[in-house]
Amino acid sequence: MPELPEVEVVRSGLAAVLPERTISAVEVLHPRPVRRHLGGPEDFAARLIGRTFTEPRRRGKYLWLPLDDGDAVLAHLGMSGQFRIDAPGTEDQRHLRVRFRFTDGGDELRFVDQRMFGGLQLSPGGAQLPPEISHIAPDPFEDAFDVANVARRLRRRRGEVKRALLDQALVSGIGNIYADETLWRVRVHPERLCDRLRQQTAVALLEAAATVMAEALAQGGTSFDELYTHVNGESGYFERSLQAYGQEGLPCPRCGSTIVRQKWTNRSSHFCPRCQRRSS
C-alpha cells in the first residue's frame, strides 16, 4: 500500500497540472471506486461537472483534491490505485476506473486501480481537511507535528512499538515499509514494548521516520511490481536503498548478520536479530 512518500509524489505531480482547471465531464467506468459516494456513480459525476480544482493536499497516506467552492474529492489509493495524467486520445489503461475531462481540452486526469481497494468520494466542506479523515493524526512533515509530544504518547502505549508506528491516529503516513526501515535505523526490535522506550529513543524513532521518508521522497518513493507512483507512470527507485524491508536472507548493511523476516499479524517484519535485539 502506498505510504506517505508515494502519496506525496502523486500529490506533487497533480499540483503541477490540476489547479485552476474546470471539470467538463466525469466518466465512471466501474462503480466500485466511488462506492463511498452515497449518491452513486451518476451523482458523483454530475456533481463535479463545472467545478474547478485548486492545489492538491495530503495528510499521511490520504490525498484530496480541493475544489474552489470549499468541497473536495477525497482519494485513497489503496493497494494499487494510481492517478495518471494523459493526453486526450491516449489509449486507456487496462484498469482505468474514472476519467476527468476539462474545459480547456487538455490532459485528462485518470484514476486507475487494478485491485479496486482504493476509491474517490466527494467530501462536502473538505477543502481544508475532509471530515472523513479528521481523526488522522498529523504526519512528520506537517508544522502541527510535535515530535516530543508524540514521543510521550508513543511511550504511554502498552503494545509493541511497530504497531504504534503504524497507528494513523498517533502519527500518519508510516506503513510497513518505512516502519521496518525506521526501526532498523534506530536499532529497535519491532516487538519492543512502547512503555519500555526512553523518551530519547522514542524521539529518535520519529525523527528517523521523517528522515527515511524524506530520502524515499527524493527518489520518487518505493515501487514494487508495476504499481507506479508517478502520474506519468514511472516508478520510484527507493527500493534500491532499503536496508531491512524485503531484504530477508541478505547481510545486514551495518553488522553483516542475516536479515530475517518474521510473520506479524497479517504482515511481515524485517529486522536484524543482532542490531535489533528485543531486550535492548
Protein backbone atom coordinates (compact mmCIF):
# COMPACT_ATOMS: atom_id res chain seq x y z
CA MET A 1 0.00 0.00 0.00
CA PRO A 2 1.40 3.44 -0.83
CA GLU A 3 2.81 5.27 2.18
CA LEU A 4 3.50 8.96 2.71
CA PRO A 5 6.37 9.35 0.19
CA GLU A 6 4.47 7.61 -2.60
CA VAL A 7 1.32 9.65 -1.98
CA GLU A 8 3.33 12.88 -1.82
CA VAL A 9 4.92 12.06 -5.19
CA VAL A 10 1.41 11.76 -6.63
CA ARG A 11 0.25 14.97 -4.94
CA SER A 12 3.23 16.89 -6.30
CA GLY A 13 2.63 15.59 -9.80
CA LEU A 14 -1.03 16.58 -9.68
CA ALA A 15 -0.16 20.01 -8.26
CA ALA A 16 1.73 20.77 -11.45
CA VAL A 17 -1.29 20.24 -13.70
CA LEU A 18 -4.63 20.44 -11.85
CA PRO A 19 -5.05 23.86 -10.18
CA GLU A 20 -7.49 26.26 -11.88
CA ARG A 21 -8.76 23.60 -14.29
CA THR A 22 -12.53 23.24 -14.60
CA ILE A 23 -14.14 19.83 -15.00
CA SER A 24 -16.22 19.35 -18.14
CA ALA A 25 -17.04 15.66 -17.82
CA VAL A 26 -16.56 12.74 -15.45
CA GLU A 27 -16.80 9.16 -16.68
CA VAL A 28 -17.12 6.43 -14.03
CA LEU A 29 -16.18 3.20 -15.76
CA HIS A 30 -16.67 0.97 -12.72
CA PRO A 31 -18.86 1.74 -9.69
CA ARG A 32 -16.61 0.24 -7.02
CA PRO A 33 -14.04 3.10 -6.86
CA VAL A 34 -16.85 5.56 -5.98
CA ARG A 35 -18.64 3.17 -3.62
CA ARG A 36 -18.28 5.58 -0.67
CA HIS A 37 -20.23 8.27 -2.54
CA LEU A 38 -23.75 7.58 -1.29
CA GLY A 39 -25.43 9.08 -4.35
CA GLY A 40 -23.84 6.53 -6.66
CA PRO A 41 -21.65 6.88 -9.79
CA GLU A 42 -24.01 9.07 -11.81
CA ASP A 43 -24.49 11.52 -8.95
CA PHE A 44 -20.73 11.60 -8.30
CA ALA A 45 -20.10 12.55 -11.92
CA ALA A 46 -22.94 15.07 -12.20
CA ARG A 47 -22.00 16.95 -9.05
CA LEU A 48 -18.44 17.57 -10.24
CA ILE A 49 -19.14 19.00 -13.68
CA GLY A 50 -18.38 22.71 -13.85
CA ARG A 51 -16.31 22.75 -10.67
CA THR A 52 -12.68 23.84 -10.51
CA PHE A 53 -9.73 22.16 -8.80
CA THR A 54 -7.28 24.06 -6.61
CA GLU A 55 -3.97 22.90 -5.06
CA PRO A 56 -3.99 19.16 -4.16
CA ARG A 57 -3.34 18.38 -0.49
CA ARG A 58 -2.24 15.41 1.58
CA ARG A 59 -2.13 14.14 5.15
CA GLY A 60 -0.24 10.91 5.75
CA LYS A 61 -1.44 8.37 3.18
CA TYR A 62 -4.56 10.37 2.28
CA LEU A 63 -4.82 12.69 -0.69
CA TRP A 64 -7.56 15.12 -1.56
CA LEU A 65 -8.25 17.43 -4.46
CA PRO A 66 -9.84 20.64 -3.16
CA LEU A 67 -12.45 22.47 -5.22
CA ASP A 68 -12.70 26.25 -5.32
CA ASP A 69 -16.12 26.21 -3.63
CA GLY A 70 -14.79 24.57 -0.43
CA ASP A 71 -15.59 20.94 -1.21
CA ALA A 72 -13.04 18.31 -2.23
CA VAL A 73 -12.56 14.97 -3.94
CA LEU A 74 -11.08 12.68 -1.29
CA ALA A 75 -8.89 9.87 -2.61
CA HIS A 76 -7.37 6.78 -1.08
CA LEU A 77 -5.02 4.83 -3.32
CA GLY A 78 -5.50 1.51 -1.54
CA MET A 79 -3.19 -1.27 -2.74
CA SER A 80 -2.90 -0.32 -6.39
CA GLY A 81 -4.65 2.98 -7.08
CA GLN A 82 -2.89 5.44 -9.37
CA PHE A 83 -3.63 8.88 -10.73
CA ARG A 84 -2.47 9.36 -14.30
CA ILE A 85 -2.23 12.47 -16.45
CA ASP A 86 -2.69 11.59 -20.12
CA ALA A 87 -3.39 13.47 -23.32
CA PRO A 88 -6.89 13.04 -24.78
CA GLY A 89 -6.93 10.09 -27.13
CA THR A 90 -4.17 8.24 -25.29
CA GLU A 91 -5.02 4.55 -25.11
CA ASP A 92 -6.96 3.71 -21.98
CA GLN A 93 -5.12 1.82 -19.26
CA ARG A 94 -6.39 -1.70 -18.68
CA HIS A 95 -7.66 -0.86 -15.21
CA LEU A 96 -8.95 2.64 -15.87
CA ARG A 97 -11.87 3.31 -13.50
CA VAL A 98 -12.63 7.05 -13.54
CA ARG A 99 -11.82 9.73 -16.12
CA PHE A 100 -11.97 13.51 -15.67
CA ARG A 101 -12.04 15.81 -18.71
CA PHE A 102 -11.56 19.56 -18.59
CA THR A 103 -12.99 22.61 -20.32
CA ASP A 104 -9.55 23.57 -21.68
CA GLY A 105 -9.44 20.36 -23.74
CA GLY A 106 -6.04 19.48 -22.28
CA ASP A 107 -4.67 16.45 -20.49
CA GLU A 108 -7.15 14.17 -18.75
CA LEU A 109 -6.99 13.06 -15.13
CA ARG A 110 -7.43 9.30 -14.83
CA PHE A 111 -7.88 7.09 -11.78
CA VAL A 112 -6.51 3.61 -12.46
CA ASP A 113 -6.88 0.81 -9.93
CA GLN A 114 -6.19 -2.85 -10.60
CA ARG A 115 -7.42 -4.30 -7.29
CA MET A 116 -10.00 -1.60 -6.58
CA PHE A 117 -9.30 -1.28 -2.85
CA GLY A 118 -8.85 2.46 -3.38
CA GLY A 119 -11.50 4.98 -4.20
CA LEU A 120 -12.81 8.51 -4.67
CA GLN A 121 -15.61 10.37 -2.94
CA LEU A 122 -16.95 13.90 -2.82
CA SER A 123 -16.26 15.47 0.58
CA PRO A 124 -18.59 18.43 1.29
CA GLY A 125 -16.63 21.18 3.03
CA GLY A 126 -13.46 19.13 2.80
CA ALA A 127 -11.13 21.54 1.00
CA GLN A 128 -9.00 22.30 4.09
CA LEU A 129 -9.32 18.88 5.75
CA PRO A 130 -12.02 16.39 4.80
CA PRO A 131 -14.11 15.46 7.85
CA GLU A 132 -13.83 11.82 6.79
CA ILE A 133 -10.14 11.87 7.80
CA SER A 134 -10.24 14.36 10.66
CA HIS A 135 -9.25 11.54 13.03
CA ILE A 136 -5.97 11.02 11.16
CA ALA A 137 -3.01 12.46 13.07
CA PRO A 138 -0.60 14.98 11.54
CA ASP A 139 2.33 13.41 9.75
CA PRO A 140 6.01 14.17 10.48
CA PHE A 141 6.19 16.71 7.62
CA GLU A 142 3.42 18.94 8.99
CA ASP A 143 4.03 22.06 11.06
CA ALA A 144 1.44 20.76 13.54
CA PHE A 145 3.54 17.67 14.27
CA ASP A 146 5.04 17.96 17.77
CA VAL A 147 7.72 15.28 17.93
CA ALA A 148 8.26 15.48 21.70
CA ASN A 149 4.55 15.23 22.45
CA VAL A 150 4.02 12.34 20.01
CA ALA A 151 7.03 10.57 21.55
CA ARG A 152 5.45 10.86 25.00
CA ARG A 153 2.17 9.48 23.68
CA LEU A 154 4.07 6.66 21.98
CA ARG A 155 5.70 5.69 25.29
CA ARG A 156 2.32 5.55 27.01
CA ARG A 157 1.19 2.76 24.68
CA ARG A 158 1.24 -0.73 26.17
CA GLY A 159 1.70 -2.63 22.92
CA GLU A 160 4.56 -3.22 20.51
CA VAL A 161 6.41 -0.27 19.05
CA LYS A 162 5.83 -1.28 15.43
CA ARG A 163 2.09 -1.46 15.99
CA ALA A 164 2.21 2.06 17.44
CA LEU A 165 4.17 3.45 14.48
CA LEU A 166 1.50 2.08 12.15
CA ASP A 167 -1.34 3.67 14.13
CA GLN A 168 -2.51 6.53 11.91
CA ALA A 169 -4.23 8.17 14.90
CA LEU A 170 -0.82 8.60 16.56
CA VAL A 171 1.37 9.51 13.59
CA SER A 172 0.19 9.27 9.99
CA GLY A 173 1.97 8.26 6.83
CA ILE A 174 4.08 5.36 8.12
CA GLY A 175 3.31 1.93 6.73
CA ASN A 176 5.05 -1.43 6.86
CA ILE A 177 7.98 -0.46 4.64
CA TYR A 178 9.02 2.68 6.48
CA ALA A 179 8.26 1.22 9.92
CA ASP A 180 10.78 -1.55 9.27
CA GLU A 181 13.34 0.90 7.90
CA THR A 182 12.83 3.27 10.85
CA LEU A 183 13.22 0.53 13.45
CA TRP A 184 16.36 -0.75 11.73
CA ARG A 185 17.94 2.70 11.75
CA VAL A 186 17.36 3.19 15.48
CA ARG A 187 18.23 -0.44 16.32
CA VAL A 188 14.87 -1.17 17.91
CA HIS A 189 13.19 -4.57 17.66
CA PRO A 190 9.67 -4.33 16.17
CA GLU A 191 8.20 -6.18 19.17
CA ARG A 192 9.81 -3.93 21.75
CA LEU A 193 7.16 -2.64 24.15
CA CYS A 194 6.38 1.06 23.91
CA ASP A 195 6.41 1.61 27.65
CA ARG A 196 9.99 0.29 27.77
CA LEU A 197 11.25 3.04 25.46
CA ARG A 198 13.15 6.03 26.75
CA GLN A 199 11.96 9.45 25.60
CA GLN A 200 15.22 9.90 23.71
CA THR A 201 14.65 6.65 21.80
CA ALA A 202 11.02 7.49 21.02
CA VAL A 203 12.07 10.87 19.64
CA ALA A 204 14.84 9.20 17.63
CA LEU A 205 12.30 6.82 16.08
CA LEU A 206 10.01 9.64 14.97
CA GLU A 207 12.93 11.66 13.61
CA ALA A 208 14.26 8.60 11.78
CA ALA A 209 10.82 8.02 10.25
CA ALA A 210 10.84 11.57 8.91
CA THR A 211 14.37 11.16 7.57
CA VAL A 212 13.80 7.85 5.81
CA MET A 213 10.56 9.07 4.25
CA ALA A 214 12.27 12.26 3.05
CA GLU A 215 15.00 10.16 1.45
CA ALA A 216 12.38 7.95 -0.19
CA LEU A 217 10.51 11.00 -1.46
CA ALA A 218 13.70 12.32 -3.07
CA GLN A 219 13.91 9.05 -5.01
CA GLY A 220 10.30 9.01 -6.10
CA GLY A 221 9.12 6.63 -3.39
CA THR A 222 9.19 2.84 -3.33
CA SER A 223 7.52 0.99 -6.21
CA PHE A 224 7.03 -2.74 -6.48
CA ASP A 225 5.84 -4.75 -9.49
CA GLU A 226 4.01 -2.36 -11.84
CA LEU A 227 2.37 -0.27 -9.13
CA TYR A 228 3.74 3.13 -10.13
CA THR A 229 3.77 6.23 -8.01
CA HIS A 230 4.26 8.97 -10.61
CA VAL A 231 1.40 10.49 -12.55
CA ASN A 232 3.36 9.79 -15.74
CA GLY A 233 3.59 6.07 -14.94
CA GLU A 234 7.25 5.97 -13.89
CA SER A 235 8.36 4.02 -10.83
CA GLY A 236 10.18 5.33 -7.79
CA TYR A 237 13.51 3.71 -7.03
CA PHE A 238 13.94 3.85 -3.24
CA GLU A 239 13.59 0.06 -3.29
CA ARG A 240 17.31 0.02 -4.12
CA SER A 241 18.09 1.83 -0.86
CA LEU A 242 16.08 -0.37 1.53
CA GLN A 243 18.18 -1.70 4.39
CA ALA A 244 15.69 -4.03 6.11
CA TYR A 245 12.33 -4.28 4.38
CA GLY A 246 12.35 -7.04 1.76
CA GLN A 247 15.98 -7.89 2.48
CA GLU A 248 15.46 -11.23 4.23
CA GLY A 249 18.39 -13.60 3.72
CA LEU A 250 20.78 -10.76 2.89
CA PRO A 251 23.52 -9.43 5.19
CA CYS A 252 22.67 -6.51 7.43
CA PRO A 253 24.43 -3.45 5.94
CA ARG A 254 25.55 -2.47 9.45
CA CYS A 255 26.79 -5.69 11.11
CA GLY A 256 26.68 -8.40 8.46
CA SER A 257 24.17 -10.64 10.24
CA THR A 258 21.37 -12.09 8.14
CA ILE A 259 18.20 -10.01 7.92
CA VAL A 260 15.21 -12.11 8.96
CA ARG A 261 11.54 -11.95 8.06
CA GLN A 262 9.02 -12.72 10.75
CA LYS A 263 5.26 -13.05 10.37
CA TRP A 264 3.47 -10.31 12.26
CA THR A 265 -0.33 -10.05 12.32
CA ASN A 266 -1.30 -10.03 8.62
CA ARG A 267 2.07 -8.55 7.60
CA SER A 268 5.74 -9.37 7.99
CA SER A 269 8.52 -7.63 9.89
CA HIS A 270 12.07 -7.46 8.57
CA PHE A 271 14.90 -6.81 11.02
CA CYS A 272 18.45 -7.66 12.05
CA PRO A 273 18.47 -10.07 15.01
CA ARG A 274 21.85 -8.76 16.17
CA CYS A 275 21.37 -4.99 15.76
CA GLN A 276 17.75 -5.02 16.88
CA ARG A 277 17.66 -7.18 19.99
CA ARG A 278 14.25 -7.37 21.59
CA SER A 279 15.60 -6.65 25.06
CA SER A 280 17.93 -3.80 24.05
